C-alpha atoms as a PDB file:
ATOM      1  CA  MET A   1      33.707  86.275  59.194  1.00  0.00           C
ATOM      2  CA  GLU A   2      32.292  83.264  60.628  1.00  0.00           C
ATOM      3  CA  ASP A   3      28.978  83.916  59.166  1.00  0.00           C
ATOM      4  CA  ILE A   4      30.214  84.455  55.830  1.00  0.00           C
ATOM      5  CA  LEU A   5      31.655  80.710  56.473  1.00  0.00           C
ATOM      6  CA  GLU A   6      28.446  79.402  58.042  1.00  0.00           C
ATOM      7  CA  ALA A   7      27.176  81.220  54.886  1.00  0.00           C
ATOM      8  CA  ILE A   8      29.161  79.051  51.960  1.00  0.00           C
ATOM      9  CA  GLY A   9      28.918  75.864  54.348  1.00  0.00           C
ATOM     10  CA  GLY A  10      25.218  75.808  53.685  1.00  0.00           C
ATOM     11  CA  PHE A  11      25.336  77.431  50.303  1.00  0.00           C
ATOM     12  CA  TRP A  12      27.745  73.819  49.832  1.00  0.00           C
ATOM     13  CA  ASN A  13      25.509  72.122  51.819  1.00  0.00           C
ATOM     14  CA  ALA A  14      22.413  72.463  49.849  1.00  0.00           C
ATOM     15  CA  VAL A  15      24.106  72.330  46.103  1.00  0.00           C
ATOM     16  CA  SER A  16      25.202  68.859  47.599  1.00  0.00           C
ATOM     17  CA  ILE A  17      21.656  68.179  48.434  1.00  0.00           C
ATOM     18  CA  LEU A  18      20.556  69.530  45.584  1.00  0.00           C
ATOM     19  CA  ARG A  19      23.029  67.948  43.213  1.00  0.00           C
ATOM     20  CA  THR A  20      21.854  64.565  45.680  1.00  0.00           C
ATOM     21  CA  VAL A  21      18.430  65.049  44.012  1.00  0.00           C
ATOM     22  CA  ILE A  22      19.071  65.805  40.865  1.00  0.00           C
ATOM     23  CA  VAL A  23      20.998  62.276  39.893  1.00  0.00           C
ATOM     24  CA  VAL A  24      18.857  60.083  41.933  1.00  0.00           C
ATOM     25  CA  ALA A  25      15.843  61.754  40.035  1.00  0.00           C
ATOM     26  CA  VAL A  26      17.546  61.185  36.938  1.00  0.00           C
ATOM     27  CA  LEU A  27      18.621  57.324  37.790  1.00  0.00           C
ATOM     28  CA  PHE A  28      15.084  56.989  38.936  1.00  0.00           C
ATOM     29  CA  ILE A  29      13.990  57.740  35.484  1.00  0.00           C
ATOM     30  CA  ILE A  30      15.759  56.303  33.622  1.00  0.00           C
ATOM     31  CA  PHE A  31      15.329  52.939  35.461  1.00  0.00           C
ATOM     32  CA  ASN A  32      11.569  53.646  35.053  1.00  0.00           C
ATOM     33  CA  ILE A  33      12.200  53.966  31.108  1.00  0.00           C
ATOM     34  CA  SER A  34      14.305  50.711  31.163  1.00  0.00           C
ATOM     35  CA  ILE A  35      11.928  48.856  33.611  1.00  0.00           C
ATOM     36  CA  ALA A  36       8.777  49.749  31.319  1.00  0.00           C
ATOM     37  CA  HIS A  37      10.795  48.601  28.671  1.00  0.00           C
ATOM     38  CA  ILE A  38      10.984  45.142  29.791  1.00  0.00           C
ATOM     39  CA  ARG A  39       7.649  45.262  30.972  1.00  0.00           C
ATOM     40  CA  LYS A  40       6.295  45.686  28.072  1.00  0.00           C
ATOM     41  CA  ASN A  41       8.458  43.353  25.947  1.00  0.00           C
ATOM     42  CA  LEU A  42       7.456  40.919  28.761  1.00  0.00           C
ATOM     43  CA  MET A  43       3.861  41.528  28.591  1.00  0.00           C
ATOM     44  CA  LYS A  44       3.466  40.571  24.545  1.00  0.00           C
ATOM     45  CA  LYS A  45       5.557  37.359  25.832  1.00  0.00           C
ATOM     46  CA  ALA A  46       2.681  36.626  28.418  1.00  0.00           C
ATOM     47  CA  ARG A  47      -0.007  34.698  26.997  1.00  0.00           C
ATOM     48  CA  THR A  48      -2.256  33.635  29.939  1.00  0.00           C
ATOM     49  CA  LYS A  49      -3.448  35.728  33.415  1.00  0.00           C
ATOM     50  CA  LYS A  50      -1.545  34.537  35.282  1.00  0.00           C
ATOM     51  CA  GLN A  51       1.390  35.149  33.290  1.00  0.00           C
ATOM     52  CA  LYS A  52       0.949  39.141  32.917  1.00  0.00           C
ATOM     53  CA  SER A  53       0.477  38.829  37.288  1.00  0.00           C
ATOM     54  CA  ASN A  54       3.536  37.520  37.403  1.00  0.00           C
ATOM     55  CA  VAL A  55       5.120  39.885  35.012  1.00  0.00           C
ATOM     56  CA  GLU A  56       3.790  43.005  37.532  1.00  0.00           C
ATOM     57  CA  MET A  57       5.029  41.582  40.643  1.00  0.00           C
ATOM     58  CA  PHE A  58       8.388  41.306  38.493  1.00  0.00           C
ATOM     59  CA  SER A  59       8.006  44.814  37.531  1.00  0.00           C
ATOM     60  CA  ARG A  60       7.261  45.949  41.584  1.00  0.00           C
ATOM     61  CA  VAL A  61      10.250  44.188  42.508  1.00  0.00           C
ATOM     62  CA  MET A  62      12.901  45.382  40.524  1.00  0.00           C
ATOM     63  CA  ARG A  63      11.620  49.130  41.759  1.00  0.00           C
ATOM     64  CA  TYR A  64      11.521  48.594  45.266  1.00  0.00           C
ATOM     65  CA  PHE A  65      14.889  47.262  44.679  1.00  0.00           C
ATOM     66  CA  PHE A  66      16.505  49.947  42.424  1.00  0.00           C
ATOM     67  CA  LEU A  67      14.560  52.269  45.114  1.00  0.00           C
ATOM     68  CA  LEU A  68      16.733  50.915  48.512  1.00  0.00           C
ATOM     69  CA  LEU A  69      19.720  51.182  46.086  1.00  0.00           C
ATOM     70  CA  LEU A  70      19.524  54.883  45.001  1.00  0.00           C
ATOM     71  CA  LEU A  71      18.620  55.406  49.222  1.00  0.00           C
ATOM     72  CA  ILE A  72      22.037  53.907  50.371  1.00  0.00           C
ATOM     73  CA  PHE A  73      23.228  55.914  47.061  1.00  0.00           C
ATOM     74  CA  ALA A  74      21.805  59.527  48.886  1.00  0.00           C
ATOM     75  CA  VAL A  75      23.009  58.712  52.538  1.00  0.00           C
ATOM     76  CA  PHE A  76      26.503  58.020  50.784  1.00  0.00           C
ATOM     77  CA  SER A  77      26.614  60.962  48.523  1.00  0.00           C
ATOM     78  CA  TYR A  78      25.211  63.800  51.312  1.00  0.00           C
ATOM     79  CA  VAL A  79      27.819  62.431  53.770  1.00  0.00           C
ATOM     80  CA  GLY A  80      30.395  62.778  50.932  1.00  0.00           C
ATOM     81  CA  SER A  81      32.311  59.745  50.936  1.00  0.00           C
ATOM     82  CA  TRP A  82      32.556  58.429  47.488  1.00  0.00           C
ATOM     83  CA  GLU A  83      35.151  55.401  48.362  1.00  0.00           C
ATOM     84  CA  GLY A  84      32.772  54.541  51.390  1.00  0.00           C
ATOM     85  CA  LEU A  85      29.102  54.312  49.068  1.00  0.00           C
ATOM     86  CA  GLY A  86      31.666  52.045  46.068  1.00  0.00           C
ATOM     87  CA  ILE A  87      32.821  49.532  49.447  1.00  0.00           C
ATOM     88  CA  GLY A  88      28.987  49.913  51.185  1.00  0.00           C
ATOM     89  CA  ILE A  89      27.239  49.286  47.722  1.00  0.00           C
ATOM     90  CA  GLY A  90      29.911  46.161  46.672  1.00  0.00           C
ATOM     91  CA  LEU A  91      28.790  45.164  50.850  1.00  0.00           C
ATOM     92  CA  LEU A  92      25.619  44.780  50.162  1.00  0.00           C
ATOM     93  CA  SER A  93      25.529  43.685  47.133  1.00  0.00           C
ATOM     94  CA  ALA A  94      28.267  40.622  48.264  1.00  0.00           C
ATOM     95  CA  SER A  95      25.991  40.135  51.205  1.00  0.00           C
ATOM     96  CA  LEU A  96      22.093  40.351  49.207  1.00  0.00           C
ATOM     97  CA  GLY A  97      23.723  38.242  46.098  1.00  0.00           C
ATOM     98  CA  PHE A  98      24.852  35.205  49.010  1.00  0.00           C
ATOM     99  CA  ALA A  99      21.608  35.695  50.631  1.00  0.00           C
ATOM    100  CA  LEU A 100      19.023  36.121  47.817  1.00  0.00           C
ATOM    101  CA  GLN A 101      21.127  33.337  45.440  1.00  0.00           C
ATOM    102  CA  ARG A 102      18.512  30.902  45.209  1.00  0.00           C
ATOM    103  CA  PRO A 103      15.402  33.687  44.531  1.00  0.00           C
ATOM    104  CA  ILE A 104      17.577  35.560  41.833  1.00  0.00           C
ATOM    105  CA  THR A 105      18.766  32.836  40.313  1.00  0.00           C
ATOM    106  CA  GLY A 106      14.653  31.871  39.833  1.00  0.00           C
ATOM    107  CA  ILE A 107      13.630  35.318  39.137  1.00  0.00           C
ATOM    108  CA  ALA A 108      16.380  34.967  36.126  1.00  0.00           C
ATOM    109  CA  ALA A 109      14.913  31.603  35.125  1.00  0.00           C
ATOM    110  CA  TRP A 110      10.953  32.652  35.323  1.00  0.00           C
ATOM    111  CA  VAL A 111      12.310  35.434  32.730  1.00  0.00           C
ATOM    112  CA  MET A 112      14.328  32.789  30.973  1.00  0.00           C
ATOM    113  CA  LEU A 113      10.766  30.350  30.780  1.00  0.00           C
ATOM    114  CA  ILE A 114       8.805  34.140  29.391  1.00  0.00           C
ATOM    115  CA  VAL A 115      11.213  35.146  26.526  1.00  0.00           C
ATOM    116  CA  ASN A 116      12.594  31.590  25.278  1.00  0.00           C
ATOM    117  CA  LYS A 117       9.072  29.310  26.537  1.00  0.00           C
ATOM    118  CA  PRO A 118      11.183  26.305  25.940  1.00  0.00           C
ATOM    119  CA  PHE A 119       7.433  25.386  27.586  1.00  0.00           C
ATOM    120  CA  ILE A 120       4.260  27.101  28.604  1.00  0.00           C
ATOM    121  CA  ILE A 121       1.143  26.354  30.886  1.00  0.00           C
ATOM    122  CA  GLY A 122      -0.345  22.765  29.013  1.00  0.00           C
ATOM    123  CA  ASP A 123       2.804  21.334  28.042  1.00  0.00           C
ATOM    124  CA  ARG A 124       4.113  17.541  29.122  1.00  0.00           C
ATOM    125  CA  ILE A 125       7.218  17.516  30.888  1.00  0.00           C
ATOM    126  CA  ILE A 126      10.735  15.872  31.931  1.00  0.00           C
ATOM    127  CA  ILE A 127      12.464  17.950  34.187  1.00  0.00           C
ATOM    128  CA  GLY A 128      15.673  15.691  35.553  1.00  0.00           C
ATOM    129  CA  THR A 129      13.489  12.635  36.438  1.00  0.00           C
ATOM    130  CA  THR A 130      10.105  14.417  37.476  1.00  0.00           C
ATOM    131  CA  ARG A 131       7.682  14.130  34.894  1.00  0.00           C
ATOM    132  CA  GLY A 132       4.632  16.255  34.503  1.00  0.00           C
ATOM    133  CA  ASP A 133       1.746  18.651  32.532  1.00  0.00           C
ATOM    134  CA  VAL A 134       2.766  21.989  33.259  1.00  0.00           C
ATOM    135  CA  VAL A 135      -0.330  23.909  35.102  1.00  0.00           C
ATOM    136  CA  ASN A 136       0.875  27.085  36.194  1.00  0.00           C
ATOM    137  CA  ILE A 137       4.333  29.172  36.207  1.00  0.00           C
ATOM    138  CA  THR A 138       5.538  31.713  39.043  1.00  0.00           C
ATOM    139  CA  LEU A 139       7.864  33.742  40.112  1.00  0.00           C
ATOM    140  CA  SER A 140       9.780  31.088  41.847  1.00  0.00           C
ATOM    141  CA  HIS A 141       8.619  28.006  40.882  1.00  0.00           C
ATOM    142  CA  VAL A 142       7.002  25.472  38.217  1.00  0.00           C
ATOM    143  CA  TYR A 143       3.411  23.639  38.598  1.00  0.00           C
ATOM    144  CA  LEU A 144       3.585  20.262  37.734  1.00  0.00           C
ATOM    145  CA  MET A 145       0.379  17.358  37.345  1.00  0.00           C
ATOM    146  CA  GLU A 146       2.878  14.701  38.030  1.00  0.00           C
ATOM    147  CA  ILE A 147       2.680  12.384  35.577  1.00  0.00           C
ATOM    148  CA  GLY A 148       3.735   8.525  37.138  1.00  0.00           C
ATOM    149  CA  GLY A 149       4.295   8.501  40.755  1.00  0.00           C
ATOM    150  CA  ILE A 150       1.740   6.400  42.434  1.00  0.00           C
ATOM    151  CA  VAL A 151       1.135   4.322  39.149  1.00  0.00           C
ATOM    152  CA  THR A 152       2.460   3.717  36.128  1.00  0.00           C
ATOM    153  CA  GLY A 153       2.611   4.731  32.555  1.00  0.00           C
ATOM    154  CA  GLU A 154       1.745   8.002  31.516  1.00  0.00           C
ATOM    155  CA  GLU A 155      -1.223   9.033  33.271  1.00  0.00           C
ATOM    156  CA  THR A 156      -1.654  11.644  35.965  1.00  0.00           C
ATOM    157  CA  SER A 157      -1.365  10.945  39.651  1.00  0.00           C
ATOM    158  CA  GLY A 158      -2.981  13.966  40.581  1.00  0.00           C
ATOM    159  CA  ARG A 159      -0.279  15.007  42.762  1.00  0.00           C
ATOM    160  CA  ILE A 160       1.017  18.553  41.627  1.00  0.00           C
ATOM    161  CA  ILE A 161       4.899  18.833  42.214  1.00  0.00           C
ATOM    162  CA  MET A 162       6.402  21.991  42.416  1.00  0.00           C
ATOM    163  CA  ILE A 163       9.958  22.263  41.125  1.00  0.00           C
ATOM    164  CA  PRO A 164      11.852  25.714  41.724  1.00  0.00           C
ATOM    165  CA  ASN A 165      12.714  27.644  38.859  1.00  0.00           C
ATOM    166  CA  SER A 166      16.545  27.644  40.362  1.00  0.00           C
ATOM    167  CA  VAL A 167      16.887  24.408  39.642  1.00  0.00           C
ATOM    168  CA  LEU A 168      16.165  24.594  35.544  1.00  0.00           C
ATOM    169  CA  PHE A 169      19.620  25.824  34.707  1.00  0.00           C
ATOM    170  CA  GLU A 170      20.809  22.501  36.250  1.00  0.00           C
ATOM    171  CA  GLN A 171      18.472  19.974  34.877  1.00  0.00           C
ATOM    172  CA  ASN A 172      17.971  18.610  31.223  1.00  0.00           C
ATOM    173  CA  ILE A 173      13.964  19.909  30.110  1.00  0.00           C
ATOM    174  CA  ILE A 174      12.319  17.286  27.665  1.00  0.00           C
ATOM    175  CA  ASN A 175       9.335  19.050  26.340  1.00  0.00           C
ATOM    176  CA  TYR A 176       6.907  16.321  24.582  1.00  0.00           C
ATOM    177  CA  THR A 177       4.574  18.461  23.109  1.00  0.00           C
ATOM    178  CA  SER A 178       7.343  21.611  21.686  1.00  0.00           C
ATOM    179  CA  GLN A 179       6.243  21.101  17.978  1.00  0.00           C
ATOM    180  CA  ASP A 180       3.261  19.711  18.027  1.00  0.00           C
ATOM    181  CA  ASP A 181       0.988  17.571  20.129  1.00  0.00           C
ATOM    182  CA  TYR A 182       2.226  14.377  18.563  1.00  0.00           C
ATOM    183  CA  ILE A 183       4.431  12.094  19.725  1.00  0.00           C
ATOM    184  CA  LEU A 184       5.312   8.329  18.555  1.00  0.00           C
ATOM    185  CA  ASP A 185       4.286   5.742  20.332  1.00  0.00           C
ATOM    186  CA  GLN A 186       4.537   1.519  20.129  1.00  0.00           C
ATOM    187  CA  VAL A 187       2.472  -1.932  20.856  1.00  0.00           C
ATOM    188  CA  VAL A 188       5.312  -4.986  21.022  1.00  0.00           C
ATOM    189  CA  VAL A 189       3.794  -8.264  21.220  1.00  0.00           C
ATOM    190  CA  ALA A 190       5.989 -11.099  20.767  1.00  0.00           C
ATOM    191  CA  ILE A 191       5.021 -13.945  18.424  1.00  0.00           C
ATOM    192  CA  THR A 192       6.556 -17.652  18.062  1.00  0.00           C
ATOM    193  CA  TYR A 193       8.044 -18.497  15.420  1.00  0.00           C
ATOM    194  CA  GLU A 194       6.695 -21.197  14.097  1.00  0.00           C
ATOM    195  CA  SER A 195       3.786 -17.736  13.530  1.00  0.00           C
ATOM    196  CA  ASN A 196       2.976 -15.894  10.176  1.00  0.00           C
ATOM    197  CA  LEU A 197       4.940 -13.155  10.966  1.00  0.00           C
ATOM    198  CA  ASP A 198       3.229 -11.021   7.954  1.00  0.00           C
ATOM    199  CA  GLY A 199      -0.020 -11.954   9.020  1.00  0.00           C
ATOM    200  CA  ALA A 200       0.816 -10.587  12.492  1.00  0.00           C
ATOM    201  CA  MET A 201       2.663  -6.981  11.260  1.00  0.00           C
ATOM    202  CA  LYS A 202      -0.615  -7.440   9.192  1.00  0.00           C
ATOM    203  CA  ILE A 203      -2.327  -7.234  12.339  1.00  0.00           C
ATOM    204  CA  THR A 204      -0.720  -4.935  14.064  1.00  0.00           C
ATOM    205  CA  LEU A 205      -0.611  -2.344  11.684  1.00  0.00           C
ATOM    206  CA  ASP A 206      -4.820  -2.764  10.853  1.00  0.00           C
ATOM    207  CA  SER A 207      -5.067  -2.393  14.538  1.00  0.00           C
ATOM    208  CA  ALA A 208      -2.768   0.412  14.637  1.00  0.00           C
ATOM    209  CA  ARG A 209      -4.824   2.317  11.781  1.00  0.00           C
ATOM    210  CA  LYS A 210      -8.101   1.482  13.229  1.00  0.00           C
ATOM    211  CA  HIS A 211      -7.650   3.559  16.411  1.00  0.00           C
ATOM    212  CA  THR A 212      -5.327   6.116  15.453  1.00  0.00           C
ATOM    213  CA  LYS A 213      -7.032   6.931  12.145  1.00  0.00           C
ATOM    214  CA  GLU A 214      -7.704  10.773  12.808  1.00  0.00           C
ATOM    215  CA  PHE A 215      -4.160  11.708  13.950  1.00  0.00           C
ATOM    216  CA  ILE A 216      -3.309   9.739  10.122  1.00  0.00           C
ATOM    217  CA  GLU A 217      -5.174  12.271   9.382  1.00  0.00           C
ATOM    218  CA  ALA A 218      -4.297  15.651  11.104  1.00  0.00           C
ATOM    219  CA  THR A 219      -0.036  14.710  10.915  1.00  0.00           C
ATOM    220  CA  GLY A 220       0.469  12.197   7.847  1.00  0.00           C
ATOM    221  CA  LYS A 221       2.437   9.716   9.666  1.00  0.00           C
ATOM    222  CA  LYS A 222       1.191   6.769   9.235  1.00  0.00           C
ATOM    223  CA  PRO A 223       1.933   3.483  11.744  1.00  0.00           C
ATOM    224  CA  TYR A 224       4.864   1.465  10.523  1.00  0.00           C
ATOM    225  CA  VAL A 225       6.396  -1.873  11.595  1.00  0.00           C
ATOM    226  CA  ARG A 226       9.680  -3.432  13.150  1.00  0.00           C
ATOM    227  CA  THR A 227      10.592  -7.178  14.175  1.00  0.00           C
ATOM    228  CA  PHE A 228      13.370  -8.642  16.341  1.00  0.00           C
ATOM    229  CA  PHE A 229      14.560 -11.690  16.743  1.00  0.00           C
ATOM    230  CA  GLN A 230      14.447 -12.595  20.529  1.00  0.00           C
ATOM    231  CA  SER A 231      15.290 -16.457  22.180  1.00  0.00           C
ATOM    232  CA  SER A 232      11.475 -17.025  22.338  1.00  0.00           C
ATOM    233  CA  GLY A 233      10.389 -15.982  19.392  1.00  0.00           C
ATOM    234  CA  ILE A 234      10.596 -12.435  17.472  1.00  0.00           C
ATOM    235  CA  ASP A 235       8.999  -9.520  19.207  1.00  0.00           C
ATOM    236  CA  VAL A 236       6.893  -7.362  16.520  1.00  0.00           C
ATOM    237  CA  HIS A 237       6.917  -3.133  16.769  1.00  0.00           C
ATOM    238  CA  VAL A 238       4.296  -1.236  15.610  1.00  0.00           C
ATOM    239  CA  ARG A 239       4.590   1.925  15.222  1.00  0.00           C
ATOM    240  CA  TYR A 240       2.468   5.002  15.582  1.00  0.00           C
ATOM    241  CA  THR A 241       1.527   8.845  15.668  1.00  0.00           C
ATOM    242  CA  SER A 242      -0.883   9.517  18.785  1.00  0.00           C
ATOM    243  CA  PRO A 243      -1.277  12.758  21.143  1.00  0.00           C
ATOM    244  CA  ALA A 244       1.304  12.701  24.181  1.00  0.00           C
ATOM    245  CA  THR A 245      -1.063  13.122  26.697  1.00  0.00           C
ATOM    246  CA  ARG A 246      -3.416  10.445  25.613  1.00  0.00           C
ATOM    247  CA  LEU A 247      -0.457   7.665  24.980  1.00  0.00           C
ATOM    248  CA  GLN A 248      -1.580   4.906  27.116  1.00  0.00           C
ATOM    249  CA  GLU A 249      -5.584   5.534  26.018  1.00  0.00           C
ATOM    250  CA  PHE A 250      -4.914   4.337  23.202  1.00  0.00           C
ATOM    251  CA  SER A 251      -1.483   1.664  23.919  1.00  0.00           C
ATOM    252  CA  SER A 252      -4.317  -0.231  25.704  1.00  0.00           C
ATOM    253  CA  ALA A 253      -6.597   0.275  22.845  1.00  0.00           C
ATOM    254  CA  ILE A 254      -4.376  -1.220  20.591  1.00  0.00           C
ATOM    255  CA  THR A 255      -3.322  -3.429  22.633  1.00  0.00           C
ATOM    256  CA  LYS A 256      -6.304  -5.454  23.333  1.00  0.00           C
ATOM    257  CA  GLU A 257      -7.320  -5.005  19.977  1.00  0.00           C
ATOM    258  CA  ILE A 258      -3.788  -7.162  18.919  1.00  0.00           C
ATOM    259  CA  TYR A 259      -4.895  -9.313  21.245  1.00  0.00           C
ATOM    260  CA  ASP A 260      -8.690  -9.377  20.249  1.00  0.00           C
ATOM    261  CA  ARG A 261      -7.437 -10.156  16.507  1.00  0.00           C
ATOM    262  CA  ILE A 262      -4.980 -12.607  17.221  1.00  0.00           C
ATOM    263  CA  MET A 263      -6.837 -15.338  19.610  1.00  0.00           C
ATOM    264  CA  LYS A 264      -8.980 -15.330  16.273  1.00  0.00           C
ATOM    265  CA  ALA A 265      -6.604 -15.918  13.737  1.00  0.00           C
ATOM    266  CA  ASP A 266      -5.029 -20.131  13.259  1.00  0.00           C
ATOM    267  CA  ASP A 267      -1.302 -18.949  12.322  1.00  0.00           C
ATOM    268  CA  VAL A 268      -0.051 -16.745  14.609  1.00  0.00           C
ATOM    269  CA  GLU A 269       0.434 -17.477  18.391  1.00  0.00           C
ATOM    270  CA  ILE A 270       1.998 -15.391  21.200  1.00  0.00           C
ATOM    271  CA  ALA A 271       5.019 -16.436  22.511  1.00  0.00           C
ATOM    272  CA  TYR A 272       5.798 -16.388  26.152  1.00  0.00           C
ATOM    273  CA  PRO A 273       8.281 -17.936  28.360  1.00  0.00           C
ATOM    274  CA  HIS A 274       7.031 -22.045  29.010  1.00  0.00           C
ATOM    275  CA  THR A 275       8.611 -25.363  29.160  1.00  0.00           C
ATOM    276  CA  GLU A 276       8.118 -27.875  26.457  1.00  0.00           C
ATOM    277  CA  VAL A 277       9.138 -31.615  26.306  1.00  0.00           C
ATOM    278  CA  VAL A 278      10.231 -33.230  23.152  1.00  0.00           C
ATOM    279  CA  LEU A 279      10.178 -36.900  23.124  1.00  0.00           C
ATOM    280  CA  ARG A 280      11.993 -38.398  19.734  1.00  0.00           C
ATOM    281  CA  LYS A 281      12.509 -42.270  19.219  1.00  0.00           C
ATOM    282  CA  LYS A 282      16.244 -43.196  19.233  1.00  0.00           C
ATOM    283  CA  LYS A 283      16.844 -44.312  15.617  1.00  0.00           C
ATOM    284  CA  SER A 284      17.874 -48.245  15.801  1.00  0.00           C
ATOM    285  CA  GLU A 285      21.162 -49.100  14.181  1.00  0.00           C
END
């Protein structure tokens, strides 16, 4: 009788092991098919070798993580405590979720970058208060070539800023070059009230046209002028389209062109803070 019971027990143990192996195998096949489909779609979105490498790394990390879950599932399934399995998976998920919150959020942000493409390598962007040109996007960080920093303006400082992907869900993102490579810029010059305003407007427009001729042809957007009253004169704003990564180059060239032309003009003067003393003779009664 004992031999029969042992045989039955061994049989059910074998069935239990076989059942666990079959379930694990089926789950693993389903997961592999799913991850292969996701990998295929991400590969279509990836444009650079580094992005493709990140896709491969992401696929491997997901496979290793799922294999760990399958191993835990197999152990608890073999023991036969499905309630313990549920509790164990729940505790494991909670602990992993807490310990790996930032990395998991970073990977989710990386997937968002690959799929939605709010910016790509080469774009000039602002994340929060940080400006830079995107030089690399990895599973954990976005690498920016810093703009400004130790210098003022829109020129690169040469320093690399590493921004964790996880903060992308918490910060505003501004992309200079989302639509094309050109954005609106301006040069402002203040002229005196005694100056010829029409002449000043012509000088600024001609200066902007001279240095942005190729961009006018490329975009079809011509420079234009806006004027504003100030306490010591009139501000003349000449606005034009130029490449986002070369703003300082063209604003500097246009500024010098405007200055040289005003210096040669007889009826336009640059306004600047100064004090004038005007003496008037009092009329006698």
